[in-house]
């Protein structure tokens, strides 16, 4: 069962909550009765981060064949060529 604690209770029971997380339990943190966060076992956080990495990698793979531009080309496109620039320093 998931416990829910407000921030004051969490402060008073932090060591206990961390021990519970080590044992696989989740503790929800509330503020003014609203759920705002959680203390979770590290395995859950690791799984979430791994899933996020996989989703980002899938999205990146979708765009591998798209054309690329250099940073200089992007800056020129955004801001135009510097006025009066001949392209080289004299």
PDB file of N, CA and C in Angstrom:
ATOM      1  N   UNK A   1       0.838  -1.180   0.000  1.00  0.00           N
ATOM      2  CA  UNK A   1       0.000   0.000   0.000  1.00  0.00           C
ATOM      3  C   UNK A   1       0.888   1.250   0.000  1.00  0.00           C
ATOM      4  N   UNK A   2       0.496   2.233  -0.759  1.00  0.00           N
ATOM      5  CA  UNK A   2       1.256   3.474  -0.843  1.00  0.00           C
ATOM      6  C   UNK A   2       0.802   4.429   0.249  1.00  0.00           C
ATOM      7  N   UNK A   3       1.773   4.912   1.039  1.00  0.00           N
ATOM      8  CA  UNK A   3       1.474   5.911   2.056  1.00  0.00           C
ATOM      9  C   UNK A   3       1.477   7.284   1.416  1.00  0.00           C
ATOM     10  N   UNK A   4       0.724   8.208   2.009  1.00  0.00           N
ATOM     11  CA  UNK A   4       0.769   9.603   1.582  1.00  0.00           C
ATOM     12  C   UNK A   4       1.057  10.445   2.814  1.00  0.00           C
ATOM     13  N   UNK A   5       2.065  11.313   2.704  1.00  0.00           N
ATOM     14  CA  UNK A   5       2.460  12.170   3.814  1.00  0.00           C
ATOM     15  C   UNK A   5       2.538  13.603   3.340  1.00  0.00           C
ATOM     16  N   UNK A   6       2.123  14.520   4.217  1.00  0.00           N
ATOM     17  CA  UNK A   6       2.372  15.918   3.870  1.00  0.00           C
ATOM     18  C   UNK A   6       3.832  16.231   4.201  1.00  0.00           C
ATOM     19  N   UNK A   7       4.271  17.382   3.797  1.00  0.00           N
ATOM     20  CA  UNK A   7       5.691  17.710   3.930  1.00  0.00           C
ATOM     21  C   UNK A   7       6.131  17.710   5.400  1.00  0.00           C
ATOM     22  N   UNK A   8       5.303  18.193   6.289  1.00  0.00           N
ATOM     23  CA  UNK A   8       5.657  18.192   7.711  1.00  0.00           C
ATOM     24  C   UNK A   8       5.853  16.765   8.214  1.00  0.00           C
ATOM     25  N   UNK A   9       4.934  15.864   7.847  1.00  0.00           N
ATOM     26  CA  UNK A   9       5.060  14.471   8.262  1.00  0.00           C
ATOM     27  C   UNK A   9       6.301  13.830   7.629  1.00  0.00           C
ATOM     28  N   UNK A  10       6.547  14.178   6.368  1.00  0.00           N
ATOM     29  CA  UNK A  10       7.718  13.627   5.685  1.00  0.00           C
ATOM     30  C   UNK A  10       9.000  14.017   6.404  1.00  0.00           C
ATOM     31  N   UNK A  11       9.111  15.287   6.788  1.00  0.00           N
ATOM     32  CA  UNK A  11      10.312  15.731   7.505  1.00  0.00           C
ATOM     33  C   UNK A  11      10.508  14.939   8.789  1.00  0.00           C
ATOM     34  N   UNK A  12       9.427  14.710   9.510  1.00  0.00           N
ATOM     35  CA  UNK A  12       9.509  14.014  10.792  1.00  0.00           C
ATOM     36  C   UNK A  12       9.839  12.533  10.618  1.00  0.00           C
ATOM     37  N   UNK A  13       9.491  11.968   9.449  1.00  0.00           N
ATOM     38  CA  UNK A  13       9.647  10.523   9.244  1.00  0.00           C
ATOM     39  C   UNK A  13      10.596  10.187   8.093  1.00  0.00           C
ATOM     40  N   UNK A  14      11.466  11.121   7.724  1.00  0.00           N
ATOM     41  CA  UNK A  14      12.289  10.931   6.538  1.00  0.00           C
ATOM     42  C   UNK A  14      13.104   9.639   6.577  1.00  0.00           C
ATOM     43  N   UNK A  15      13.766   9.362   7.668  1.00  0.00           N
ATOM     44  CA  UNK A  15      14.585   8.144   7.746  1.00  0.00           C
ATOM     45  C   UNK A  15      13.718   6.902   7.545  1.00  0.00           C
ATOM     46  N   UNK A  16      12.554   6.901   8.120  1.00  0.00           N
ATOM     47  CA  UNK A  16      11.624   5.770   7.963  1.00  0.00           C
ATOM     48  C   UNK A  16      11.162   5.641   6.510  1.00  0.00           C
ATOM     49  N   UNK A  17      10.868   6.768   5.881  1.00  0.00           N
ATOM     50  CA  UNK A  17      10.419   6.761   4.488  1.00  0.00           C
ATOM     51  C   UNK A  17      11.516   6.241   3.566  1.00  0.00           C
ATOM     52  N   UNK A  18      12.760   6.630   3.812  1.00  0.00           N
ATOM     53  CA  UNK A  18      13.875   6.136   3.008  1.00  0.00           C
ATOM     54  C   UNK A  18      14.033   4.633   3.211  1.00  0.00           C
ATOM     55  N   UNK A  19      13.909   4.154   4.426  1.00  0.00           N
ATOM     56  CA  UNK A  19      13.981   2.719   4.694  1.00  0.00           C
ATOM     57  C   UNK A  19      12.868   1.978   3.961  1.00  0.00           C
ATOM     58  N   UNK A  20      11.677   2.559   3.957  1.00  0.00           N
ATOM     59  CA  UNK A  20      10.560   1.946   3.234  1.00  0.00           C
ATOM     60  C   UNK A  20      10.845   1.903   1.727  1.00  0.00           C
ATOM     61  N   UNK A  21      11.441   2.973   1.189  1.00  0.00           N
ATOM     62  CA  UNK A  21      11.796   2.982  -0.234  1.00  0.00           C
ATOM     63  C   UNK A  21      12.805   1.876  -0.536  1.00  0.00           C
ATOM     64  N   UNK A  22      13.762   1.694   0.352  1.00  0.00           N
ATOM     65  CA  UNK A  22      14.738   0.610   0.172  1.00  0.00           C
ATOM     66  C   UNK A  22      14.048  -0.756   0.157  1.00  0.00           C
ATOM     67  N   UNK A  23      12.932  -0.856   0.873  1.00  0.00           N
ATOM     68  CA  UNK A  23      12.180  -2.110   0.944  1.00  0.00           C
ATOM     69  C   UNK A  23      11.174  -2.238  -0.199  1.00  0.00           C
ATOM     70  N   UNK A  24      11.145  -1.247  -1.097  1.00  0.00           N
ATOM     71  CA  UNK A  24      10.272  -1.343  -2.266  1.00  0.00           C
ATOM     72  C   UNK A  24       8.967  -0.582  -2.163  1.00  0.00           C
ATOM     73  N   UNK A  25       8.788   0.185  -1.114  1.00  0.00           N
ATOM     74  CA  UNK A  25       7.531   0.919  -0.934  1.00  0.00           C
ATOM     75  C   UNK A  25       7.628   2.334  -1.501  1.00  0.00           C
ATOM     76  N   UNK A  26       6.486   2.840  -1.945  1.00  0.00           N
ATOM     77  CA  UNK A  26       6.376   4.196  -2.472  1.00  0.00           C
ATOM     78  C   UNK A  26       5.653   5.058  -1.443  1.00  0.00           C
ATOM     79  N   UNK A  27       6.147   6.267  -1.230  1.00  0.00           N
ATOM     80  CA  UNK A  27       5.482   7.231  -0.361  1.00  0.00           C
ATOM     81  C   UNK A  27       5.168   8.468  -1.189  1.00  0.00           C
ATOM     82  N   UNK A  28       3.903   8.823  -1.226  1.00  0.00           N
ATOM     83  CA  UNK A  28       3.454  10.011  -1.953  1.00  0.00           C
ATOM     84  C   UNK A  28       3.581  11.217  -1.034  1.00  0.00           C
ATOM     85  N   UNK A  29       4.046  12.323  -1.582  1.00  0.00           N
ATOM     86  CA  UNK A  29       4.188  13.571  -0.824  1.00  0.00           C
ATOM     87  C   UNK A  29       3.052  14.496  -1.246  1.00  0.00           C
ATOM     88  N   UNK A  30       2.391  15.077  -0.247  1.00  0.00           N
ATOM     89  CA  UNK A  30       1.286  15.989  -0.548  1.00  0.00           C
ATOM     90  C   UNK A  30       1.571  17.379   0.001  1.00  0.00           C
ATOM     91  N   UNK A  31       0.961  18.357  -0.654  1.00  0.00           N
ATOM     92  CA  UNK A  31       0.995  19.739  -0.170  1.00  0.00           C
ATOM     93  C   UNK A  31      -0.419  20.276  -0.329  1.00  0.00           C
ATOM     94  N   UNK A  32      -0.983  20.727   0.779  1.00  0.00           N
ATOM     95  CA  UNK A  32      -2.358  21.232   0.787  1.00  0.00           C
ATOM     96  C   UNK A  32      -3.323  20.208   0.206  1.00  0.00           C
ATOM     97  N   UNK A  33      -3.052  18.930   0.517  1.00  0.00           N
ATOM     98  CA  UNK A  33      -3.925  17.850   0.080  1.00  0.00           C
ATOM     99  C   UNK A  33      -3.716  17.380  -1.348  1.00  0.00           C
ATOM    100  N   UNK A  34      -2.851  18.021  -2.097  1.00  0.00           N
ATOM    101  CA  UNK A  34      -2.581  17.650  -3.480  1.00  0.00           C
ATOM    102  C   UNK A  34      -1.290  16.839  -3.573  1.00  0.00           C
ATOM    103  N   UNK A  35      -1.289  15.821  -4.398  1.00  0.00           N
ATOM    104  CA  UNK A  35      -0.085  15.014  -4.621  1.00  0.00           C
ATOM    105  C   UNK A  35       0.918  15.844  -5.410  1.00  0.00           C
ATOM    106  N   UNK A  36       2.140  15.977  -4.888  1.00  0.00           N
ATOM    107  CA  UNK A  36       3.159  16.804  -5.551  1.00  0.00           C
ATOM    108  C   UNK A  36       4.452  16.054  -5.845  1.00  0.00           C
ATOM    109  N   UNK A  37       4.626  14.894  -5.294  1.00  0.00           N
ATOM    110  CA  UNK A  37       5.860  14.155  -5.517  1.00  0.00           C
ATOM    111  C   UNK A  37       5.784  12.803  -4.850  1.00  0.00           C
ATOM    112  N   UNK A  38       6.907  12.091  -4.904  1.00  0.00           N
ATOM    113  CA  UNK A  38       6.936  10.769  -4.294  1.00  0.00           C
ATOM    114  C   UNK A  38       8.372  10.383  -3.982  1.00  0.00           C
ATOM    115  N   UNK A  39       8.530   9.583  -2.957  1.00  0.00           N
ATOM    116  CA  UNK A  39       9.794   8.923  -2.666  1.00  0.00           C
ATOM    117  C   UNK A  39       9.594   7.486  -3.137  1.00  0.00           C
ATOM    118  N   UNK A  40      10.418   7.087  -4.107  1.00  0.00           N
ATOM    119  CA  UNK A  40      10.241   5.767  -4.724  1.00  0.00           C
ATOM    120  C   UNK A  40      11.519   4.962  -4.611  1.00  0.00           C
ATOM    121  N   UNK A  41      11.407   3.649  -4.686  1.00  0.00           N
ATOM    122  CA  UNK A  41      12.618   2.830  -4.731  1.00  0.00           C
ATOM    123  C   UNK A  41      13.449   3.218  -5.945  1.00  0.00           C
ATOM    124  N   UNK A  42      14.757   3.171  -5.813  1.00  0.00           N
ATOM    125  CA  UNK A  42      15.642   3.597  -6.894  1.00  0.00           C
ATOM    126  C   UNK A  42      15.423   2.756  -8.144  1.00  0.00           C
ATOM    127  N   UNK A  43      15.015   1.519  -8.003  1.00  0.00           N
ATOM    128  CA  UNK A  43      14.759   0.670  -9.166  1.00  0.00           C
ATOM    129  C   UNK A  43      13.649   1.249 -10.033  1.00  0.00           C
ATOM    130  N   UNK A  44      12.662   1.859  -9.408  1.00  0.00           N
ATOM    131  CA  UNK A  44      11.573   2.473 -10.168  1.00  0.00           C
ATOM    132  C   UNK A  44      12.085   3.692 -10.923  1.00  0.00           C
ATOM    133  N   UNK A  45      12.867   4.526 -10.268  1.00  0.00           N
ATOM    134  CA  UNK A  45      13.444   5.685 -10.945  1.00  0.00           C
ATOM    135  C   UNK A  45      14.331   5.236 -12.102  1.00  0.00           C
ATOM    136  N   UNK A  46      15.156   4.220 -11.872  1.00  0.00           N
ATOM    137  CA  UNK A  46      16.025   3.708 -12.933  1.00  0.00           C
ATOM    138  C   UNK A  46      15.199   3.227 -14.126  1.00  0.00           C
ATOM    139  N   UNK A  47      14.100   2.523 -13.870  1.00  0.00           N
ATOM    140  CA  UNK A  47      13.246   2.017 -14.949  1.00  0.00           C
ATOM    141  C   UNK A  47      12.606   3.168 -15.723  1.00  0.00           C
ATOM    142  N   UNK A  48      12.190   4.203 -15.025  1.00  0.00           N
ATOM    143  CA  UNK A  48      11.606   5.370 -15.688  1.00  0.00           C
ATOM    144  C   UNK A  48      12.645   6.052 -16.561  1.00  0.00           C
ATOM    145  N   UNK A  49      13.852   6.235 -16.030  1.00  0.00           N
ATOM    146  CA  UNK A  49      14.916   6.877 -16.800  1.00  0.00           C
ATOM    147  C   UNK A  49      15.306   6.039 -18.017  1.00  0.00           C
ATOM    148  N   UNK A  50      15.353   4.721 -17.864  1.00  0.00           N
ATOM    149  CA  UNK A  50      15.669   3.847 -18.991  1.00  0.00           C
ATOM    150  C   UNK A  50      14.595   3.950 -20.074  1.00  0.00           C
ATOM    151  N   UNK A  51      13.329   3.982 -19.657  1.00  0.00           N
ATOM    152  CA  UNK A  51      12.235   4.097 -20.616  1.00  0.00           C
ATOM    153  C   UNK A  51      12.292   5.438 -21.334  1.00  0.00           C
ATOM    154  N   UNK A  52      12.611   6.495 -20.592  1.00  0.00           N
ATOM    155  CA  UNK A  52      12.741   7.822 -21.197  1.00  0.00           C
ATOM    156  C   UNK A  52      13.878   7.839 -22.218  1.00  0.00           C
ATOM    157  N   UNK A  53      15.018   7.252 -21.862  1.00  0.00           N
ATOM    158  CA  UNK A  53      16.155   7.172 -22.791  1.00  0.00           C
ATOM    159  C   UNK A  53      15.763   6.425 -24.060  1.00  0.00           C
ATOM    160  N   UNK A  54      15.032   5.324 -23.911  1.00  0.00           N
ATOM    161  CA  UNK A  54      14.616   4.536 -25.075  1.00  0.00           C
ATOM    162  C   UNK A  54      13.669   5.340 -25.965  1.00  0.00           C
ATOM    163  N   UNK A  55      12.730   6.054 -25.366  1.00  0.00           N
ATOM    164  CA  UNK A  55      11.815   6.875 -26.167  1.00  0.00           C
ATOM    165  C   UNK A  55      12.563   7.967 -26.918  1.00  0.00           C
ATOM    166  N   UNK A  56      13.518   8.608 -26.256  1.00  0.00           N
ATOM    167  CA  UNK A  56      14.307   9.644 -26.919  1.00  0.00           C
ATOM    168  C   UNK A  56      15.157   9.063 -28.040  1.00  0.00           C
ATOM    169  N   UNK A  57      15.720   7.874 -27.829  1.00  0.00           N
ATOM    170  CA  UNK A  57      16.526   7.228 -28.864  1.00  0.00           C
ATOM    171  C   UNK A  57      15.662   6.867 -30.067  1.00  0.00           C
ATOM    172  N   UNK A  58      14.447   6.381 -29.820  1.00  0.00           N
ATOM    173  CA  UNK A  58      13.533   6.065 -30.927  1.00  0.00           C
ATOM    174  C   UNK A  58      13.210   7.315 -31.730  1.00  0.00           C
ATOM    175  N   UNK A  59      12.945   8.392 -31.034  1.00  0.00           N
ATOM    176  CA  UNK A  59      12.633   9.662 -31.717  1.00  0.00           C
ATOM    177  C   UNK A  59      13.831  10.139 -32.527  1.00  0.00           C
ATOM    178  N   UNK A  60      15.025  10.019 -31.976  1.00  0.00           N
ATOM    179  CA  UNK A  60      16.233  10.440 -32.689  1.00  0.00           C
ATOM    180  C   UNK A  60      16.439   9.588 -33.939  1.00  0.00           C
ATOM    181  N   UNK A  61      16.196   8.268 -33.830  1.00  0.00           N
ATOM    182  CA  UNK A  61      16.375   7.386 -34.984  1.00  0.00           C
ATOM    183  C   UNK A  61      15.433   7.756 -36.124  1.00  0.00           C
ATOM    184  N   UNK A  62      14.256   8.285 -35.807  1.00  0.00           N
ATOM    185  CA  UNK A  62      13.309   8.707 -36.841  1.00  0.00           C
ATOM    186  C   UNK A  62      13.877   9.830 -37.703  1.00  0.00           C
ATOM    187  N   UNK A  63      14.795  10.599 -37.157  1.00  0.00           N
ATOM    188  CA  UNK A  63      15.293  11.795 -37.836  1.00  0.00           C
ATOM    189  C   UNK A  63      16.711  11.642 -38.397  1.00  0.00           C
ATOM    190  N   UNK A  64      17.265  10.442 -38.356  1.00  0.00           N
ATOM    191  CA  UNK A  64      18.643  10.240 -38.799  1.00  0.00           C
ATOM    192  C   UNK A  64      18.856  10.594 -40.268  1.00  0.00           C
ATOM    193  N   UNK A  65      17.874  10.365 -41.112  1.00  0.00           N
ATOM    194  CA  UNK A  65      18.042  10.607 -42.547  1.00  0.00           C
ATOM    195  C   UNK A  65      17.673  12.026 -42.965  1.00  0.00           C
ATOM    196  N   UNK A  66      17.288  12.855 -42.015  1.00  0.00           N
ATOM    197  CA  UNK A  66      16.928  14.229 -42.358  1.00  0.00           C
ATOM    198  C   UNK A  66      18.181  15.054 -42.635  1.00  0.00           C
ATOM    199  N   UNK A  67      18.071  16.046 -43.521  1.00  0.00           N
ATOM    200  CA  UNK A  67      19.232  16.891 -43.806  1.00  0.00           C
ATOM    201  C   UNK A  67      19.642  17.676 -42.558  1.00  0.00           C
ATOM    202  N   UNK A  68      20.919  17.983 -42.486  1.00  0.00           N
ATOM    203  CA  UNK A  68      21.436  18.758 -41.355  1.00  0.00           C
ATOM    204  C   UNK A  68      22.073  20.035 -41.880  1.00  0.00           C
ATOM    205  N   UNK A  69      22.152  21.034 -41.020  1.00  0.00           N
ATOM    206  CA  UNK A  69      22.837  22.275 -41.364  1.00  0.00           C
ATOM    207  C   UNK A  69      23.849  22.576 -40.274  1.00  0.00           C
ATOM    208  N   UNK A  70      24.826  23.380 -40.614  1.00  0.00           N
ATOM    209  CA  UNK A  70      25.841  23.752 -39.629  1.00  0.00           C
ATOM    210  C   UNK A  70      25.295  24.855 -38.738  1.00  0.00           C
ATOM    211  N   UNK A  71      25.964  25.093 -37.637  1.00  0.00           N
ATOM    212  CA  UNK A  71      25.582  26.180 -36.741  1.00  0.00           C
ATOM    213  C   UNK A  71      25.696  27.516 -37.463  1.00  0.00           C
ATOM    214  N   UNK A  72      26.736  27.684 -38.283  1.00  0.00           N
ATOM    215  CA  UNK A  72      26.908  28.934 -39.033  1.00  0.00           C
ATOM    216  C   UNK A  72      25.728  29.162 -39.963  1.00  0.00           C
ATOM    217  N   UNK A  73      25.280  28.111 -40.642  1.00  0.00           N
ATOM    218  CA  UNK A  73      24.131  28.243 -41.539  1.00  0.00           C
ATOM    219  C   UNK A  73      22.867  28.605 -40.756  1.00  0.00           C
ATOM    220  N   UNK A  74      22.700  28.007 -39.612  1.00  0.00           N
ATOM    221  CA  UNK A  74      21.547  28.314 -38.775  1.00  0.00           C
ATOM    222  C   UNK A  74      21.557  29.770 -38.337  1.00  0.00           C
ATOM    223  N   UNK A  75      22.722  30.252 -37.900  1.00  0.00           N
ATOM    224  CA  UNK A  75      22.825  31.644 -37.441  1.00  0.00           C
ATOM    225  C   UNK A  75      22.563  32.614 -38.575  1.00  0.00           C
ATOM    226  N   UNK A  76      23.075  32.325 -39.751  1.00  0.00           N
ATOM    227  CA  UNK A  76      22.815  33.192 -40.910  1.00  0.00           C
ATOM    228  C   UNK A  76      21.329  33.174 -41.231  1.00  0.00           C
ATOM    229  N   UNK A  77      20.716  32.007 -41.158  1.00  0.00           N
ATOM    230  CA  UNK A  77      19.290  31.895 -41.438  1.00  0.00           C
ATOM    231  C   UNK A  77      18.472  32.681 -40.420  1.00  0.00           C
ATOM    232  N   UNK A  78      18.885  32.644 -39.170  1.00  0.00           N
ATOM    233  CA  UNK A  78      18.144  33.342 -38.116  1.00  0.00           C
ATOM    234  C   UNK A  78      18.383  34.852 -38.137  1.00  0.00           C
ATOM    235  N   UNK A  79      19.638  35.247 -38.319  1.00  0.00           N
ATOM    236  CA  UNK A  79      20.000  36.646 -38.145  1.00  0.00           C
ATOM    237  C   UNK A  79      20.467  37.330 -39.423  1.00  0.00           C
ATOM    238  N   UNK A  80      20.665  36.599 -40.489  1.00  0.00           N
ATOM    239  CA  UNK A  80      21.172  37.172 -41.712  1.00  0.00           C
ATOM    240  C   UNK A  80      22.679  37.371 -41.637  1.00  0.00           C
ATOM    241  N   UNK A  81      23.268  37.667 -42.772  1.00  0.00           N
ATOM    242  CA  UNK A  81      24.699  37.919 -42.799  1.00  0.00           C
ATOM    243  C   UNK A  81      24.996  39.233 -42.129  1.00  0.00           C
ATOM    244  N   UNK A  82      26.120  39.329 -41.420  1.00  0.00           N
ATOM    245  CA  UNK A  82      26.488  40.623 -40.812  1.00  0.00           C
ATOM    246  C   UNK A  82      26.652  41.678 -41.903  1.00  0.00           C
ATOM    247  N   UNK A  83      26.075  42.856 -41.684  1.00  0.00           N
ATOM    248  CA  UNK A  83      26.161  43.930 -42.679  1.00  0.00           C
ATOM    249  C   UNK A  83      27.601  44.396 -42.833  1.00  0.00           C
ATOM    250  N   UNK A  84      27.982  44.610 -44.070  1.00  0.00           N
ATOM    251  CA  UNK A  84      29.321  45.117 -44.341  1.00  0.00           C
ATOM    252  C   UNK A  84      30.398  44.060 -44.197  1.00  0.00           C
ATOM    253  N   UNK A  85      30.019  42.833 -44.001  1.00  0.00           N
ATOM    254  CA  UNK A  85      31.025  41.782 -43.834  1.00  0.00           C
ATOM    255  C   UNK A  85      31.432  41.263 -45.196  1.00  0.00           C
ATOM    256  N   UNK A  86      32.720  41.184 -45.417  1.00  0.00           N
ATOM    257  CA  UNK A  86      33.238  40.663 -46.669  1.00  0.00           C
ATOM    258  C   UNK A  86      33.562  39.187 -46.540  1.00  0.00           C
ATOM    259  N   UNK A  87      33.333  38.629 -45.348  1.00  0.00           N
ATOM    260  CA  UNK A  87      33.583  37.222 -45.146  1.00  0.00           C
ATOM    261  C   UNK A  87      34.952  36.911 -44.611  1.00  0.00           C
ATOM    262  N   UNK A  88      35.864  37.876 -44.630  1.00  0.00           N
ATOM    263  CA  UNK A  88      37.198  37.624 -44.058  1.00  0.00           C
ATOM    264  C   UNK A  88      37.709  38.876 -43.413  1.00  0.00           C
ATOM    265  N   UNK A  89      38.562  38.736 -42.443  1.00  0.00           N
ATOM    266  CA  UNK A  89      39.145  39.895 -41.760  1.00  0.00           C
ATOM    267  C   UNK A  89      40.312  40.419 -42.567  1.00  0.00           C
ATOM    268  N   UNK A  90      40.434  41.729 -42.635  1.00  0.00           N
ATOM    269  CA  UNK A  90      41.530  42.318 -43.410  1.00  0.00           C
ATOM    270  C   UNK A  90      42.545  42.931 -42.493  1.00  0.00           C
TER     271      UNK A  90
END
